[in-house]
Amino acid sequence: MCKNTFRGKIWTTGLLQILGMFLVLCGGAFAQERTWVTFSPPSGDWSILAPGILQPDEEALESPSTAGSYSYNDFTGFFAVVYRDTPKRNILWKPFKKSHFKRVRKDFVKSANGELIKEEKFSIGDEPGREVYIKMPNGRVMGRESQVKTTYRVQRIRMFFHNRRFYMLLAVLPEEQINAPEINDFFSSFVVK
C-alpha cells in the first residue's frame, strides 16, 4: 500500500509541476514585453517610437496619400497614428483649429460611451495641440469579498495640425498602463519631417 501511495504522489507531483510550467509559459506569452521600434511610413513624412511595426489602412497605401492611419494592436492595447489633409478651402486660423479639436474630442467621448477625465494643451515645436483622456468601461471582474468591480480602459489622444495636415496619435490601454513611461515615449517621440 505504501508503495502505491508513493507512486501516486510522484505522478501527482509531476503533473502539478507540468501544469505549473504550462501556466507560467502561458502567462509569459500574454505578458510579453512590446518590441519598441522607430517606425516611419514609406513616404517618410513622420516617425514615431512604436510598440511594433504599424500596419497601414487602405487610404494610407494610396499614392499620394492625403489621409490614412497606421496602427498596431496586441493583447492589451491599441496604438495608432491617424492623419488627414485639410481641404484648401478651409482657413486654418486659431478658431477653426480649436473647434476641430473640440469636435474630435466630443465624437470620441460619444462613440466610446466614455467620460472625459482630462484635457490639456501641449505643443510640438510651434504647433499647439490638445491631449485628451477618455475613460470607458471595459467589463466587470469579481473583486475581493465577492464584490463586482468595473474595469476601465482609457483612450489617450494627442491631436494637432502641422501645416495643412491634421495628426492624431492614439493609445487605448487599461487605465493603470496609460501613463507608463513607454507610453509617454510613444507620444513624445512623434516627429514630423
N, C-alpha and C. Protein backbone atom coordinates (compact mmCIF):
# COMPACT_ATOMS: atom_id res chain seq x y z
N MET A 1 0.81 -1.19 0.00
CA MET A 1 0.00 0.00 0.00
C MET A 1 0.86 1.25 0.00
N CYS A 2 1.88 1.24 0.80
CA CYS A 2 2.78 2.39 0.88
C CYS A 2 3.46 2.64 -0.45
N LYS A 3 3.80 1.55 -1.14
CA LYS A 3 4.46 1.66 -2.43
C LYS A 3 3.56 2.35 -3.45
N ASN A 4 2.26 1.99 -3.53
CA ASN A 4 1.32 2.60 -4.47
C ASN A 4 1.07 4.07 -4.15
N THR A 5 0.98 4.42 -2.88
CA THR A 5 0.77 5.80 -2.48
C THR A 5 1.97 6.63 -2.92
N PHE A 6 3.16 6.10 -2.74
CA PHE A 6 4.37 6.83 -3.13
C PHE A 6 4.37 7.10 -4.63
N ARG A 7 4.03 6.07 -5.43
CA ARG A 7 3.96 6.27 -6.89
C ARG A 7 2.89 7.29 -7.26
N GLY A 8 1.77 7.27 -6.57
CA GLY A 8 0.69 8.23 -6.81
C GLY A 8 1.14 9.65 -6.51
N LYS A 9 1.92 9.82 -5.44
CA LYS A 9 2.42 11.16 -5.09
C LYS A 9 3.40 11.65 -6.16
N ILE A 10 4.27 10.77 -6.64
CA ILE A 10 5.22 11.17 -7.67
C ILE A 10 4.47 11.59 -8.93
N TRP A 11 3.48 10.78 -9.34
CA TRP A 11 2.71 11.10 -10.54
C TRP A 11 1.97 12.42 -10.38
N THR A 12 1.32 12.62 -9.20
CA THR A 12 0.58 13.85 -8.94
C THR A 12 1.52 15.04 -8.89
N THR A 13 2.66 14.91 -8.23
CA THR A 13 3.63 15.99 -8.13
C THR A 13 4.16 16.34 -9.52
N GLY A 14 4.45 15.32 -10.33
CA GLY A 14 4.93 15.58 -11.70
C GLY A 14 3.89 16.29 -12.54
N LEU A 15 2.62 15.86 -12.40
CA LEU A 15 1.54 16.51 -13.13
C LEU A 15 1.39 17.96 -12.71
N LEU A 16 1.46 18.22 -11.41
CA LEU A 16 1.36 19.60 -10.91
C LEU A 16 2.51 20.46 -11.41
N GLN A 17 3.71 19.87 -11.47
CA GLN A 17 4.86 20.63 -11.98
C GLN A 17 4.67 20.96 -13.46
N ILE A 18 4.19 20.00 -14.24
CA ILE A 18 3.95 20.24 -15.66
C ILE A 18 2.88 21.32 -15.85
N LEU A 19 1.78 21.21 -15.08
CA LEU A 19 0.73 22.22 -15.17
C LEU A 19 1.25 23.59 -14.74
N GLY A 20 2.06 23.62 -13.69
CA GLY A 20 2.65 24.88 -13.23
C GLY A 20 3.53 25.51 -14.30
N MET A 21 4.37 24.70 -14.95
CA MET A 21 5.22 25.23 -16.02
C MET A 21 4.37 25.73 -17.19
N PHE A 22 3.31 25.00 -17.53
CA PHE A 22 2.41 25.40 -18.61
C PHE A 22 1.78 26.76 -18.30
N LEU A 23 1.30 26.93 -17.06
CA LEU A 23 0.68 28.20 -16.68
C LEU A 23 1.69 29.34 -16.72
N VAL A 24 2.91 29.09 -16.27
CA VAL A 24 3.95 30.12 -16.31
C VAL A 24 4.25 30.51 -17.75
N LEU A 25 4.37 29.51 -18.63
CA LEU A 25 4.65 29.80 -20.03
C LEU A 25 3.50 30.54 -20.70
N CYS A 26 2.26 30.14 -20.41
CA CYS A 26 1.09 30.84 -20.98
C CYS A 26 1.02 32.26 -20.47
N GLY A 27 1.23 32.45 -19.18
CA GLY A 27 1.22 33.80 -18.61
C GLY A 27 2.32 34.65 -19.21
N GLY A 28 3.46 34.05 -19.48
CA GLY A 28 4.56 34.77 -20.11
C GLY A 28 4.21 35.21 -21.51
N ALA A 29 3.45 34.39 -22.23
CA ALA A 29 3.05 34.75 -23.59
C ALA A 29 2.14 35.97 -23.57
N PHE A 30 1.22 36.03 -22.59
CA PHE A 30 0.31 37.17 -22.53
C PHE A 30 1.01 38.42 -21.99
N ALA A 31 2.02 38.24 -21.17
CA ALA A 31 2.68 39.38 -20.53
C ALA A 31 3.96 39.78 -21.25
N GLN A 32 4.14 39.35 -22.50
CA GLN A 32 5.36 39.68 -23.22
C GLN A 32 5.53 41.17 -23.36
N GLU A 33 6.75 41.60 -23.30
CA GLU A 33 7.07 43.00 -23.50
C GLU A 33 6.87 43.34 -24.97
N ARG A 34 6.48 44.56 -25.22
CA ARG A 34 6.36 45.02 -26.60
C ARG A 34 7.77 45.29 -27.13
N THR A 35 7.95 45.10 -28.42
CA THR A 35 9.24 45.37 -29.05
C THR A 35 9.19 46.77 -29.66
N TRP A 36 9.67 47.75 -28.95
CA TRP A 36 9.59 49.14 -29.38
C TRP A 36 10.61 49.41 -30.48
N VAL A 37 10.12 49.96 -31.59
CA VAL A 37 10.97 50.26 -32.74
C VAL A 37 10.60 51.64 -33.28
N THR A 38 11.57 52.31 -33.88
CA THR A 38 11.27 53.57 -34.54
C THR A 38 10.65 53.24 -35.89
N PHE A 39 9.45 53.76 -36.12
CA PHE A 39 8.70 53.46 -37.33
C PHE A 39 8.46 54.74 -38.12
N SER A 40 8.59 54.62 -39.43
CA SER A 40 8.29 55.71 -40.35
C SER A 40 7.58 55.12 -41.56
N PRO A 41 6.54 55.79 -42.09
CA PRO A 41 5.87 55.25 -43.27
C PRO A 41 6.78 55.35 -44.49
N PRO A 42 6.46 54.66 -45.58
CA PRO A 42 7.30 54.72 -46.78
C PRO A 42 7.51 56.15 -47.31
N SER A 43 6.53 57.03 -47.10
CA SER A 43 6.67 58.42 -47.55
C SER A 43 7.71 59.18 -46.73
N GLY A 44 7.98 58.71 -45.53
CA GLY A 44 8.95 59.37 -44.66
C GLY A 44 8.44 60.67 -44.06
N ASP A 45 7.13 60.91 -44.10
CA ASP A 45 6.56 62.17 -43.60
C ASP A 45 6.71 62.35 -42.10
N TRP A 46 6.78 61.26 -41.36
CA TRP A 46 6.85 61.32 -39.90
C TRP A 46 7.52 60.06 -39.37
N SER A 47 7.87 60.08 -38.09
CA SER A 47 8.39 58.88 -37.43
C SER A 47 7.92 58.88 -35.98
N ILE A 48 7.89 57.69 -35.40
CA ILE A 48 7.44 57.53 -34.02
C ILE A 48 8.06 56.27 -33.43
N LEU A 49 8.26 56.27 -32.12
CA LEU A 49 8.71 55.08 -31.41
C LEU A 49 7.47 54.25 -31.14
N ALA A 50 7.28 53.16 -31.88
CA ALA A 50 6.06 52.36 -31.83
C ALA A 50 6.29 51.03 -31.12
N PRO A 51 5.21 50.44 -30.60
CA PRO A 51 5.34 49.16 -29.87
C PRO A 51 5.56 47.96 -30.79
N GLY A 52 5.62 48.18 -32.06
CA GLY A 52 5.82 47.15 -33.08
C GLY A 52 5.66 47.81 -34.44
N ILE A 53 5.68 47.02 -35.49
CA ILE A 53 5.50 47.56 -36.84
C ILE A 53 4.04 47.99 -37.02
N LEU A 54 3.82 49.25 -37.35
CA LEU A 54 2.47 49.76 -37.57
C LEU A 54 1.98 49.34 -38.95
N GLN A 55 0.72 48.91 -39.01
CA GLN A 55 0.13 48.44 -40.27
C GLN A 55 -0.74 49.53 -40.88
N PRO A 56 -0.59 49.80 -42.19
CA PRO A 56 -1.38 50.86 -42.84
C PRO A 56 -2.78 50.40 -43.20
N ASP A 57 -3.71 51.35 -43.28
CA ASP A 57 -5.03 51.05 -43.82
C ASP A 57 -4.99 51.32 -45.33
N GLU A 58 -6.11 51.11 -46.03
CA GLU A 58 -6.13 51.27 -47.49
C GLU A 58 -5.83 52.69 -47.93
N GLU A 59 -6.35 53.69 -47.20
CA GLU A 59 -6.09 55.09 -47.56
C GLU A 59 -4.61 55.43 -47.48
N ALA A 60 -3.95 54.90 -46.48
CA ALA A 60 -2.52 55.20 -46.30
C ALA A 60 -1.68 54.59 -47.42
N LEU A 61 -2.17 53.52 -48.06
CA LEU A 61 -1.42 52.87 -49.13
C LEU A 61 -1.53 53.60 -50.47
N GLU A 62 -2.51 54.51 -50.59
CA GLU A 62 -2.65 55.25 -51.84
C GLU A 62 -1.46 56.18 -52.04
N SER A 63 -1.17 56.48 -53.29
CA SER A 63 -0.05 57.38 -53.57
C SER A 63 -0.52 58.49 -54.50
N PRO A 64 -0.43 59.74 -54.16
CA PRO A 64 -0.05 60.25 -52.84
C PRO A 64 -1.21 60.11 -51.86
N SER A 65 -0.88 59.92 -50.61
CA SER A 65 -1.89 59.72 -49.58
C SER A 65 -2.19 61.05 -48.88
N THR A 66 -3.47 61.43 -48.87
CA THR A 66 -3.88 62.66 -48.18
C THR A 66 -4.60 62.34 -46.88
N ALA A 67 -4.83 61.06 -46.62
CA ALA A 67 -5.49 60.62 -45.39
C ALA A 67 -5.14 59.17 -45.16
N GLY A 68 -5.18 58.76 -43.91
CA GLY A 68 -4.93 57.36 -43.61
C GLY A 68 -4.57 57.15 -42.16
N SER A 69 -4.27 55.90 -41.85
CA SER A 69 -3.85 55.58 -40.49
C SER A 69 -2.90 54.38 -40.52
N TYR A 70 -2.05 54.36 -39.53
CA TYR A 70 -1.15 53.25 -39.28
C TYR A 70 -1.43 52.80 -37.85
N SER A 71 -1.60 51.49 -37.64
CA SER A 71 -1.98 51.03 -36.31
C SER A 71 -1.28 49.74 -35.92
N TYR A 72 -1.29 49.49 -34.62
CA TYR A 72 -0.71 48.28 -34.03
C TYR A 72 -1.62 47.89 -32.87
N ASN A 73 -1.95 46.62 -32.74
CA ASN A 73 -2.67 46.18 -31.56
C ASN A 73 -2.11 44.85 -31.08
N ASP A 74 -2.21 44.66 -29.77
CA ASP A 74 -1.79 43.41 -29.15
C ASP A 74 -2.84 43.01 -28.12
N PHE A 75 -2.50 42.10 -27.25
CA PHE A 75 -3.47 41.54 -26.30
C PHE A 75 -4.09 42.60 -25.40
N THR A 76 -3.33 43.63 -25.01
CA THR A 76 -3.85 44.62 -24.07
C THR A 76 -4.02 46.02 -24.64
N GLY A 77 -3.46 46.31 -25.80
CA GLY A 77 -3.51 47.70 -26.25
C GLY A 77 -3.68 47.91 -27.73
N PHE A 78 -4.01 49.14 -28.07
CA PHE A 78 -4.16 49.57 -29.45
C PHE A 78 -3.44 50.91 -29.59
N PHE A 79 -2.65 51.05 -30.65
CA PHE A 79 -1.89 52.26 -30.90
C PHE A 79 -2.10 52.67 -32.36
N ALA A 80 -2.19 53.98 -32.61
CA ALA A 80 -2.40 54.42 -34.00
C ALA A 80 -1.87 55.83 -34.21
N VAL A 81 -1.51 56.07 -35.46
CA VAL A 81 -1.22 57.41 -35.97
C VAL A 81 -2.20 57.63 -37.11
N VAL A 82 -3.03 58.66 -36.99
CA VAL A 82 -4.05 58.96 -37.99
C VAL A 82 -3.77 60.35 -38.55
N TYR A 83 -3.92 60.52 -39.86
CA TYR A 83 -3.69 61.84 -40.45
C TYR A 83 -4.71 62.11 -41.55
N ARG A 84 -4.96 63.38 -41.78
CA ARG A 84 -5.90 63.80 -42.82
C ARG A 84 -5.54 65.23 -43.22
N ASP A 85 -5.41 65.44 -44.53
CA ASP A 85 -5.13 66.79 -45.03
C ASP A 85 -6.40 67.62 -45.02
N THR A 86 -6.27 68.87 -44.62
CA THR A 86 -7.40 69.78 -44.58
C THR A 86 -7.62 70.35 -45.98
N PRO A 87 -8.87 70.39 -46.46
CA PRO A 87 -9.14 70.96 -47.79
C PRO A 87 -8.65 72.41 -47.88
N LYS A 88 -8.20 72.80 -49.05
CA LYS A 88 -7.64 74.15 -49.24
C LYS A 88 -8.67 75.25 -49.01
N ARG A 89 -9.96 74.93 -49.14
CA ARG A 89 -10.99 75.94 -48.94
C ARG A 89 -11.11 76.37 -47.47
N ASN A 90 -10.62 75.54 -46.53
CA ASN A 90 -10.67 75.88 -45.11
C ASN A 90 -9.48 76.74 -44.73
N ILE A 91 -9.75 77.80 -43.99
CA ILE A 91 -8.69 78.66 -43.49
C ILE A 91 -8.28 78.14 -42.12
N LEU A 92 -7.01 77.82 -41.98
CA LEU A 92 -6.53 77.22 -40.73
C LEU A 92 -6.15 78.29 -39.71
N TRP A 93 -7.11 79.03 -39.25
CA TRP A 93 -6.85 80.00 -38.21
C TRP A 93 -7.22 79.41 -36.87
N LYS A 94 -6.84 80.08 -35.83
CA LYS A 94 -6.96 79.53 -34.48
C LYS A 94 -8.38 79.07 -34.12
N PRO A 95 -9.45 79.85 -34.39
CA PRO A 95 -10.80 79.36 -34.05
C PRO A 95 -11.18 78.06 -34.78
N PHE A 96 -10.74 77.90 -36.04
CA PHE A 96 -11.02 76.66 -36.76
C PHE A 96 -10.36 75.47 -36.08
N LYS A 97 -9.10 75.63 -35.70
CA LYS A 97 -8.37 74.55 -35.04
C LYS A 97 -9.01 74.19 -33.71
N LYS A 98 -9.35 75.20 -32.91
CA LYS A 98 -9.97 74.94 -31.60
C LYS A 98 -11.30 74.21 -31.76
N SER A 99 -12.12 74.63 -32.73
CA SER A 99 -13.41 73.97 -32.91
C SER A 99 -13.22 72.54 -33.43
N HIS A 100 -12.18 72.32 -34.24
CA HIS A 100 -11.90 70.97 -34.73
C HIS A 100 -11.49 70.05 -33.58
N PHE A 101 -10.59 70.52 -32.72
CA PHE A 101 -10.18 69.73 -31.55
C PHE A 101 -11.41 69.38 -30.69
N LYS A 102 -12.28 70.37 -30.47
CA LYS A 102 -13.48 70.16 -29.66
C LYS A 102 -14.41 69.12 -30.29
N ARG A 103 -14.58 69.21 -31.61
CA ARG A 103 -15.46 68.27 -32.32
C ARG A 103 -14.91 66.84 -32.25
N VAL A 104 -13.62 66.69 -32.45
CA VAL A 104 -13.00 65.36 -32.39
C VAL A 104 -13.14 64.78 -30.98
N ARG A 105 -12.86 65.60 -29.97
CA ARG A 105 -12.99 65.15 -28.58
C ARG A 105 -14.42 64.69 -28.30
N LYS A 106 -15.39 65.51 -28.69
CA LYS A 106 -16.80 65.20 -28.45
C LYS A 106 -17.20 63.89 -29.15
N ASP A 107 -16.74 63.70 -30.39
CA ASP A 107 -17.06 62.47 -31.13
C ASP A 107 -16.47 61.23 -30.45
N PHE A 108 -15.24 61.35 -29.95
CA PHE A 108 -14.61 60.21 -29.27
C PHE A 108 -15.33 59.86 -27.98
N VAL A 109 -15.70 60.87 -27.19
CA VAL A 109 -16.40 60.62 -25.93
C VAL A 109 -17.73 59.93 -26.22
N LYS A 110 -18.46 60.42 -27.22
CA LYS A 110 -19.77 59.86 -27.55
C LYS A 110 -19.64 58.43 -28.08
N SER A 111 -18.72 58.20 -29.01
CA SER A 111 -18.60 56.86 -29.61
C SER A 111 -18.11 55.81 -28.62
N ALA A 112 -17.32 56.22 -27.63
CA ALA A 112 -16.81 55.28 -26.63
C ALA A 112 -17.77 55.12 -25.45
N ASN A 113 -18.83 55.91 -25.46
CA ASN A 113 -19.74 55.94 -24.31
C ASN A 113 -18.91 56.15 -23.05
N GLY A 114 -17.96 57.10 -23.17
CA GLY A 114 -16.99 57.31 -22.11
C GLY A 114 -17.18 58.60 -21.37
N GLU A 115 -16.18 58.90 -20.56
CA GLU A 115 -16.18 60.09 -19.72
C GLU A 115 -14.85 60.82 -19.93
N LEU A 116 -14.92 62.10 -20.25
CA LEU A 116 -13.72 62.91 -20.40
C LEU A 116 -13.11 63.10 -19.01
N ILE A 117 -11.89 62.63 -18.82
CA ILE A 117 -11.27 62.75 -17.50
C ILE A 117 -10.15 63.77 -17.47
N LYS A 118 -9.66 64.16 -18.67
CA LYS A 118 -8.57 65.13 -18.69
C LYS A 118 -8.41 65.68 -20.09
N GLU A 119 -8.19 66.99 -20.17
CA GLU A 119 -7.85 67.64 -21.44
C GLU A 119 -6.85 68.73 -21.13
N GLU A 120 -5.78 68.75 -21.89
CA GLU A 120 -4.76 69.77 -21.67
C GLU A 120 -4.12 70.18 -22.97
N LYS A 121 -3.54 71.37 -22.98
CA LYS A 121 -2.84 71.88 -24.15
C LYS A 121 -1.41 71.34 -24.14
N PHE A 122 -0.85 71.19 -25.31
CA PHE A 122 0.56 70.84 -25.46
C PHE A 122 1.00 71.41 -26.80
N SER A 123 2.27 71.33 -27.08
CA SER A 123 2.74 71.79 -28.39
C SER A 123 3.88 70.92 -28.88
N ILE A 124 3.94 70.79 -30.18
CA ILE A 124 5.06 70.13 -30.84
C ILE A 124 5.74 71.24 -31.63
N GLY A 125 6.88 71.68 -31.15
CA GLY A 125 7.52 72.84 -31.76
C GLY A 125 6.62 74.05 -31.58
N ASP A 126 6.28 74.71 -32.69
CA ASP A 126 5.39 75.88 -32.66
C ASP A 126 3.93 75.50 -32.83
N GLU A 127 3.65 74.22 -33.02
CA GLU A 127 2.29 73.77 -33.29
C GLU A 127 1.54 73.44 -31.99
N PRO A 128 0.52 74.24 -31.65
CA PRO A 128 -0.27 73.91 -30.45
C PRO A 128 -1.22 72.76 -30.73
N GLY A 129 -1.55 72.01 -29.71
CA GLY A 129 -2.46 70.89 -29.86
C GLY A 129 -3.19 70.61 -28.57
N ARG A 130 -3.90 69.50 -28.55
CA ARG A 130 -4.65 69.08 -27.37
C ARG A 130 -4.34 67.61 -27.08
N GLU A 131 -4.32 67.31 -25.79
CA GLU A 131 -4.21 65.92 -25.36
C GLU A 131 -5.44 65.63 -24.50
N VAL A 132 -6.10 64.52 -24.82
CA VAL A 132 -7.38 64.17 -24.21
C VAL A 132 -7.31 62.75 -23.66
N TYR A 133 -7.88 62.57 -22.47
CA TYR A 133 -8.01 61.24 -21.86
C TYR A 133 -9.49 60.94 -21.70
N ILE A 134 -9.94 59.81 -22.21
CA ILE A 134 -11.34 59.40 -22.12
C ILE A 134 -11.40 58.03 -21.47
N LYS A 135 -12.13 57.96 -20.37
CA LYS A 135 -12.27 56.71 -19.61
C LYS A 135 -13.54 56.01 -20.07
N MET A 136 -13.42 54.71 -20.38
CA MET A 136 -14.59 53.96 -20.84
C MET A 136 -14.63 52.61 -20.15
N PRO A 137 -15.85 52.12 -19.84
CA PRO A 137 -15.96 50.82 -19.19
C PRO A 137 -15.47 49.70 -20.10
N ASN A 138 -14.79 48.73 -19.50
CA ASN A 138 -14.22 47.63 -20.26
C ASN A 138 -14.87 46.29 -19.91
N GLY A 139 -15.43 46.20 -18.74
CA GLY A 139 -16.04 44.95 -18.30
C GLY A 139 -16.15 44.92 -16.79
N ARG A 140 -16.50 43.78 -16.27
CA ARG A 140 -16.63 43.62 -14.82
C ARG A 140 -15.83 42.41 -14.38
N VAL A 141 -15.23 42.54 -13.21
CA VAL A 141 -14.49 41.43 -12.62
C VAL A 141 -14.95 41.24 -11.18
N MET A 142 -14.71 40.07 -10.66
CA MET A 142 -15.05 39.78 -9.28
C MET A 142 -13.88 40.23 -8.42
N GLY A 143 -14.13 41.15 -7.51
CA GLY A 143 -13.09 41.66 -6.63
C GLY A 143 -13.05 40.88 -5.33
N ARG A 144 -12.36 41.44 -4.37
CA ARG A 144 -12.28 40.83 -3.04
C ARG A 144 -13.66 40.77 -2.42
N GLU A 145 -13.86 39.79 -1.60
CA GLU A 145 -15.10 39.61 -0.86
C GLU A 145 -16.31 39.55 -1.79
N SER A 146 -16.12 38.99 -2.98
CA SER A 146 -17.19 38.75 -3.96
C SER A 146 -17.90 40.03 -4.43
N GLN A 147 -17.19 41.14 -4.43
CA GLN A 147 -17.77 42.38 -4.94
C GLN A 147 -17.49 42.47 -6.44
N VAL A 148 -18.51 42.85 -7.21
CA VAL A 148 -18.34 43.03 -8.65
C VAL A 148 -17.75 44.42 -8.87
N LYS A 149 -16.68 44.47 -9.64
CA LYS A 149 -15.95 45.71 -9.85
C LYS A 149 -15.85 45.97 -11.35
N THR A 150 -16.11 47.21 -11.78
CA THR A 150 -15.99 47.57 -13.19
C THR A 150 -14.54 47.89 -13.51
N THR A 151 -14.04 47.35 -14.63
CA THR A 151 -12.70 47.69 -15.09
C THR A 151 -12.83 48.74 -16.20
N TYR A 152 -11.78 49.53 -16.38
CA TYR A 152 -11.83 50.62 -17.35
C TYR A 152 -10.62 50.59 -18.25
N ARG A 153 -10.82 51.10 -19.46
CA ARG A 153 -9.73 51.36 -20.39
C ARG A 153 -9.74 52.86 -20.64
N VAL A 154 -8.61 53.38 -21.05
CA VAL A 154 -8.50 54.81 -21.31
C VAL A 154 -8.01 55.02 -22.74
N GLN A 155 -8.70 55.92 -23.45
CA GLN A 155 -8.23 56.37 -24.76
C GLN A 155 -7.43 57.65 -24.50
N ARG A 156 -6.18 57.63 -24.88
CA ARG A 156 -5.33 58.82 -24.77
C ARG A 156 -5.08 59.30 -26.18
N ILE A 157 -5.46 60.54 -26.46
CA ILE A 157 -5.40 61.08 -27.81
C ILE A 157 -4.61 62.38 -27.81
N ARG A 158 -3.67 62.50 -28.72
CA ARG A 158 -2.97 63.76 -28.96
C ARG A 158 -3.31 64.19 -30.37
N MET A 159 -3.74 65.44 -30.51
CA MET A 159 -4.10 65.92 -31.85
C MET A 159 -3.52 67.31 -32.06
N PHE A 160 -3.10 67.54 -33.31
CA PHE A 160 -2.50 68.83 -33.67
C PHE A 160 -2.47 68.95 -35.18
N PHE A 161 -2.24 70.16 -35.66
CA PHE A 161 -2.07 70.43 -37.08
C PHE A 161 -0.60 70.69 -37.35
N HIS A 162 -0.14 70.21 -38.49
CA HIS A 162 1.19 70.57 -39.00
C HIS A 162 0.96 71.01 -40.44
N ASN A 163 1.16 72.30 -40.70
CA ASN A 163 0.78 72.91 -41.97
C ASN A 163 -0.71 72.62 -42.19
N ARG A 164 -1.08 71.96 -43.27
CA ARG A 164 -2.50 71.69 -43.52
C ARG A 164 -2.92 70.28 -43.12
N ARG A 165 -2.01 69.54 -42.53
CA ARG A 165 -2.31 68.15 -42.15
C ARG A 165 -2.67 68.06 -40.67
N PHE A 166 -3.80 67.39 -40.39
CA PHE A 166 -4.24 67.12 -39.03
C PHE A 166 -3.71 65.75 -38.62
N TYR A 167 -3.02 65.69 -37.49
CA TYR A 167 -2.48 64.44 -36.96
C TYR A 167 -3.18 64.09 -35.65
N MET A 168 -3.37 62.80 -35.45
CA MET A 168 -3.92 62.30 -34.20
C MET A 168 -3.14 61.05 -33.80
N LEU A 169 -2.58 61.08 -32.60
CA LEU A 169 -1.88 59.92 -32.03
C LEU A 169 -2.82 59.32 -31.00
N LEU A 170 -2.94 58.01 -30.99
CA LEU A 170 -3.94 57.36 -30.15
C LEU A 170 -3.36 56.12 -29.48
N ALA A 171 -3.65 55.97 -28.19
CA ALA A 171 -3.34 54.73 -27.46
C ALA A 171 -4.56 54.39 -26.62
N VAL A 172 -4.97 53.13 -26.65
CA VAL A 172 -6.08 52.64 -25.85
C VAL A 172 -5.55 51.49 -25.01
N LEU A 173 -5.56 51.68 -23.70
CA LEU A 173 -4.95 50.71 -22.78
C LEU A 173 -5.75 50.63 -21.48
N PRO A 174 -5.50 49.59 -20.66
CA PRO A 174 -6.08 49.59 -19.32
C PRO A 174 -5.62 50.84 -18.57
N GLU A 175 -6.49 51.37 -17.70
CA GLU A 175 -6.21 52.66 -17.07
C GLU A 175 -4.91 52.68 -16.28
N GLU A 176 -4.48 51.54 -15.74
CA GLU A 176 -3.24 51.52 -14.95
C GLU A 176 -1.99 51.57 -15.84
N GLN A 177 -2.13 51.40 -17.14
CA GLN A 177 -0.97 51.42 -18.05
C GLN A 177 -0.84 52.70 -18.87
N ILE A 178 -1.86 53.54 -18.90
CA ILE A 178 -1.93 54.63 -19.87
C ILE A 178 -0.85 55.70 -19.69
N ASN A 179 -0.29 55.84 -18.49
CA ASN A 179 0.76 56.83 -18.27
C ASN A 179 2.12 56.20 -17.99
N ALA A 180 2.30 54.95 -18.40
CA ALA A 180 3.59 54.28 -18.22
C ALA A 180 4.66 55.01 -19.03
N PRO A 181 5.91 54.96 -18.61
CA PRO A 181 6.98 55.68 -19.32
C PRO A 181 7.06 55.36 -20.81
N GLU A 182 6.88 54.07 -21.19
CA GLU A 182 6.98 53.72 -22.61
C GLU A 182 5.81 54.29 -23.41
N ILE A 183 4.65 54.48 -22.77
CA ILE A 183 3.51 55.08 -23.46
C ILE A 183 3.75 56.58 -23.63
N ASN A 184 4.31 57.22 -22.60
CA ASN A 184 4.69 58.63 -22.72
C ASN A 184 5.71 58.80 -23.84
N ASP A 185 6.65 57.85 -23.96
CA ASP A 185 7.65 57.91 -25.04
C ASP A 185 7.01 57.77 -26.41
N PHE A 186 5.99 56.93 -26.52
CA PHE A 186 5.25 56.79 -27.79
C PHE A 186 4.74 58.16 -28.25
N PHE A 187 4.11 58.89 -27.34
CA PHE A 187 3.54 60.19 -27.69
C PHE A 187 4.62 61.25 -27.93
N SER A 188 5.62 61.30 -27.07
CA SER A 188 6.61 62.37 -27.19
C SER A 188 7.64 62.14 -28.29
N SER A 189 7.72 60.92 -28.83
CA SER A 189 8.72 60.61 -29.87
C SER A 189 8.26 61.00 -31.27
N PHE A 190 6.99 61.37 -31.44
CA PHE A 190 6.47 61.66 -32.77
C PHE A 190 7.16 62.88 -33.36
N VAL A 191 7.68 62.73 -34.59
CA VAL A 191 8.38 63.81 -35.28
C VAL A 191 7.86 63.91 -36.69
N VAL A 192 7.46 65.12 -37.09
CA VAL A 192 7.06 65.39 -38.48
C VAL A 192 8.29 65.85 -39.22
N LYS A 193 8.52 65.25 -40.40
CA LYS A 193 9.74 65.58 -41.16
C LYS A 193 9.44 66.50 -42.31
